Protein backbone atom coordinates (compact mmCIF):
# COMPACT_ATOMS: atom_id res chain seq x y z
CA UNK A 1 42.12 192.69 49.52
CA UNK A 2 39.91 189.65 48.99
CA UNK A 3 36.51 188.57 50.32
CA UNK A 4 38.02 186.91 53.40
CA UNK A 5 39.96 190.08 54.26
CA UNK A 6 36.77 192.16 53.98
CA UNK A 7 34.87 189.73 56.20
CA UNK A 8 37.62 189.96 58.84
CA UNK A 9 37.63 193.75 58.55
CA UNK A 10 33.87 193.88 59.12
CA UNK A 11 34.10 191.40 62.02
CA UNK A 12 36.56 193.86 63.57
CA UNK A 13 34.20 196.78 62.87
CA UNK A 14 31.36 194.94 64.63
CA UNK A 15 33.61 194.13 67.58
CA UNK A 16 34.76 197.76 67.87
CA UNK A 17 31.22 199.16 67.61
CA UNK A 18 29.98 196.76 70.30
CA UNK A 19 32.82 197.75 72.63
CA UNK A 20 32.09 201.43 71.96
CA UNK A 21 28.41 200.97 72.85
CA UNK A 22 29.37 198.98 75.95
CA UNK A 23 31.27 202.04 77.23
CA UNK A 24 28.53 204.46 76.14
CA UNK A 25 25.78 202.53 77.92
CA UNK A 26 27.46 203.33 81.26
CA UNK A 27 27.02 207.09 80.75
CA UNK A 28 24.25 209.31 82.00
CA UNK A 29 22.12 211.12 79.44
CA UNK A 30 23.85 214.34 80.46
CA UNK A 31 27.30 212.88 79.82
CA UNK A 32 26.21 211.47 76.46
CA UNK A 33 24.84 214.77 75.20
CA UNK A 34 27.16 217.26 76.95
CA UNK A 35 29.22 219.59 74.79
CA UNK A 36 32.83 218.58 74.22
CA UNK A 37 35.68 219.52 71.89
CA UNK A 38 36.08 217.32 68.82
CA UNK A 39 34.90 217.06 65.21
CA UNK A 40 31.35 216.94 66.55
CA UNK A 41 30.15 218.83 69.63
CA UNK A 42 29.11 215.80 71.72
CA UNK A 43 29.41 212.06 72.07
CA UNK A 44 25.86 211.73 70.82
CA UNK A 45 26.59 213.57 67.59
CA UNK A 46 29.88 211.70 67.10
CA UNK A 47 28.19 208.31 67.47
CA UNK A 48 25.31 209.45 65.28
CA UNK A 49 27.85 210.35 62.58
CA UNK A 50 29.46 206.89 62.71
CA UNK A 51 26.15 205.06 62.49
CA UNK A 52 24.70 207.41 59.86
CA UNK A 53 27.74 206.87 57.63
CA UNK A 54 27.40 203.10 58.00
CA UNK A 55 23.71 203.35 57.05
CA UNK A 56 24.41 205.64 54.09
CA UNK A 57 27.16 203.48 52.59
CA UNK A 58 25.15 200.29 53.04
CA UNK A 59 22.29 201.88 51.12
CA UNK A 60 24.72 202.85 48.35
CA UNK A 61 26.17 199.33 48.22
CA UNK A 62 22.62 198.08 47.73
CA UNK A 63 21.93 200.47 44.86
CA UNK A 64 20.16 203.32 46.65
CA UNK A 65 21.74 206.78 46.83
CA UNK A 66 19.94 208.70 49.58
CA UNK A 67 19.87 212.45 49.05
CA UNK A 68 19.41 213.13 52.76
CA UNK A 69 20.94 211.67 55.85
CA UNK A 70 19.26 209.50 58.40
CA UNK A 71 17.30 211.58 60.89
CA UNK A 72 18.90 214.27 62.93
CA UNK A 73 19.30 212.92 66.49
CA UNK A 74 16.94 215.62 67.76
CA UNK A 75 14.14 214.88 65.31
CA UNK A 76 11.37 212.32 65.21
CA UNK A 77 11.50 209.47 62.72
CA UNK A 78 8.60 211.16 60.92
CA UNK A 79 11.20 213.50 59.40
CA UNK A 80 13.43 210.64 58.22
CA UNK A 81 14.53 211.10 54.63
CA UNK A 82 16.39 208.82 52.28
CA UNK A 83 14.33 205.66 52.79
CA UNK A 84 13.62 203.37 49.89
CA UNK A 85 9.97 203.09 48.79
CA UNK A 86 7.97 201.06 51.30
CA UNK A 87 10.73 201.20 53.93
CA UNK A 88 9.44 202.53 57.24
CA UNK A 89 11.45 204.12 60.04
CA UNK A 90 11.54 202.00 63.16
CA UNK A 91 12.88 204.52 65.67
CA UNK A 92 11.10 207.43 67.28
CA UNK A 93 14.39 209.27 67.66
CA UNK A 94 18.11 208.69 67.67
CA UNK A 95 19.02 210.88 70.62
CA UNK A 96 19.76 208.20 73.23
CA UNK A 97 22.45 205.55 73.46
CA UNK A 98 19.74 202.87 73.37
CA UNK A 99 18.13 204.26 70.21
CA UNK A 100 21.47 204.66 68.46
CA UNK A 101 22.51 201.15 69.46
CA UNK A 102 19.24 199.74 68.18
CA UNK A 103 19.71 201.59 64.90
CA UNK A 104 23.35 200.42 64.69
CA UNK A 105 22.25 196.83 65.35
CA UNK A 106 19.71 197.00 62.52
CA UNK A 107 22.34 198.41 60.15
CA UNK A 108 24.75 195.69 61.26
CA UNK A 109 22.24 192.93 60.65
CA UNK A 110 21.53 194.20 57.13
CA UNK A 111 25.26 194.68 56.48
CA UNK A 112 26.08 191.16 57.65
CA UNK A 113 23.56 189.80 55.15
CA UNK A 114 25.27 191.88 52.45
CA UNK A 115 28.78 190.76 53.44
CA UNK A 116 27.80 187.07 53.62
CA UNK A 117 26.27 187.23 50.13
CA UNK A 118 29.17 189.25 48.72
CA UNK A 119 31.22 187.56 46.01
CA UNK A 120 34.81 188.25 45.07
CA UNK A 121 33.72 189.58 41.68
CA UNK A 122 31.23 191.99 43.24
CA UNK A 123 33.80 193.11 45.79
CA UNK A 124 36.22 194.04 43.00
CA UNK A 125 33.55 195.71 40.83
CA UNK A 126 33.07 199.46 40.52
CA UNK A 127 30.19 200.89 42.53
CA UNK A 128 28.38 203.81 40.92
CA UNK A 129 26.36 206.02 43.25
CA UNK A 130 25.30 209.63 43.73
CA UNK A 131 26.67 211.71 46.56
CA UNK A 132 24.35 213.66 48.87
CA UNK A 133 24.22 216.54 46.36
CA UNK A 134 23.22 214.13 43.59
CA UNK A 135 26.62 214.19 41.85
CA UNK A 136 27.49 210.88 40.16
CA UNK A 137 30.49 209.09 41.70
CA UNK A 138 32.16 205.73 41.22
CA UNK A 139 34.87 203.73 42.98
CA UNK A 140 35.78 200.09 43.48
CA UNK A 141 33.51 198.57 46.13
CA UNK A 142 36.52 197.07 47.91
CA UNK A 143 37.98 200.57 48.43
CA UNK A 144 34.68 201.96 49.66
CA UNK A 145 34.30 199.11 52.13
CA UNK A 146 37.85 199.66 53.41
CA UNK A 147 37.12 203.38 53.67
CA UNK A 148 34.05 202.84 55.83
CA UNK A 149 35.89 200.79 58.45
CA UNK A 150 38.72 203.33 58.47
CA UNK A 151 36.16 206.13 58.86
CA UNK A 152 34.58 204.36 61.82
CA UNK A 153 37.98 203.74 63.43
CA UNK A 154 38.87 207.41 63.11
CA UNK A 155 35.66 208.57 64.77
CA UNK A 156 35.66 205.83 67.43
CA UNK A 157 39.07 207.21 68.40
CA UNK A 158 37.40 210.60 68.86
CA UNK A 159 34.65 208.92 70.89
CA UNK A 160 37.36 207.54 73.18
CA UNK A 161 38.74 211.06 73.71
CA UNK A 162 35.23 212.39 74.36
CA UNK A 163 34.56 209.59 76.84
CA UNK A 164 37.62 210.74 78.78
CA UNK A 165 36.39 214.35 78.67
CA UNK A 166 33.02 213.45 80.20
CA UNK A 167 34.46 211.07 82.81
CA UNK A 168 33.44 207.85 81.07
CA UNK A 169 35.24 204.54 81.00
CA UNK A 170 37.26 203.84 77.87
CA UNK A 171 38.26 200.60 76.22
CA UNK A 172 40.99 199.91 73.72
CA UNK A 173 39.61 199.46 70.23
CA UNK A 174 42.88 198.62 68.49
CA UNK A 175 42.54 195.92 65.85
CA UNK A 176 45.36 193.96 67.46
CA UNK A 177 43.15 193.42 70.55
CA UNK A 178 40.41 192.09 68.28
CA UNK A 179 42.86 189.58 66.79
CA UNK A 180 44.07 188.58 70.28
CA UNK A 181 40.49 187.95 71.43
CA UNK A 182 39.77 185.92 68.28
CA UNK A 183 42.85 183.73 68.93
CA UNK A 184 41.80 183.24 72.56
CA UNK A 185 38.29 182.19 71.48
CA UNK A 186 39.73 179.76 68.93
CA UNK A 187 42.10 178.26 71.53
CA UNK A 188 39.25 177.79 74.02
CA UNK A 189 37.02 176.21 71.38
CA UNK A 190 39.70 173.92 69.99
C-alpha cells in the first residue's frame, strides 16, 4: 500500500464517519443513549469507542503514547487524561452526538494535516509506541493506518445495527458506494 492508497483509505474513512454522524444527528438523546445489544451497550458508547480509537492512534502516530483514554462520555473534560503538555481539552463532555461530532471533526482535521504531510518513507517506517499499559510495541505505520480504518468500519457496522434497534435511519457505508460517489463527482466536475 502506498501513500496514494492511504489517502484514498482515509478519504473513505472521513466519508463513512460523516454519513454515520448524519444518521446519528436525527436521533433523540434517548435513542442515542438507550441500551442495546452489541460490543458496547449503546450507540453513544459505540461511537465514543470509534472516535477515541482514532484520537489515540493519531496521538501515537505523532509520537505521544497516552496512558489513558480520552474522557469517558459521562465525565467532564476536567478529567481528561492523555493530553500532551500544554494541550487543553475543548469539550465539556462527550455524551451527545454534537459533542462527539465536534471531537471527531477536530481529530479529523489534525489527521488530515498528518496524512497530507505523510511521506512514502514515513508510511513504510516502523512506529514504536507504548500501549495503554505502558508496554512497548512496534509495527509498520502503514499496517497501523490500515488497521484503524478497518477498526472503524467494523464498529460503524455495529452502529448500523444499533441504529436499526433504536428505530433510526441507516445508510450504507460500503466502500464501493464511496467510490461510486467519487466517480459521480468527478464526472460532474469534468
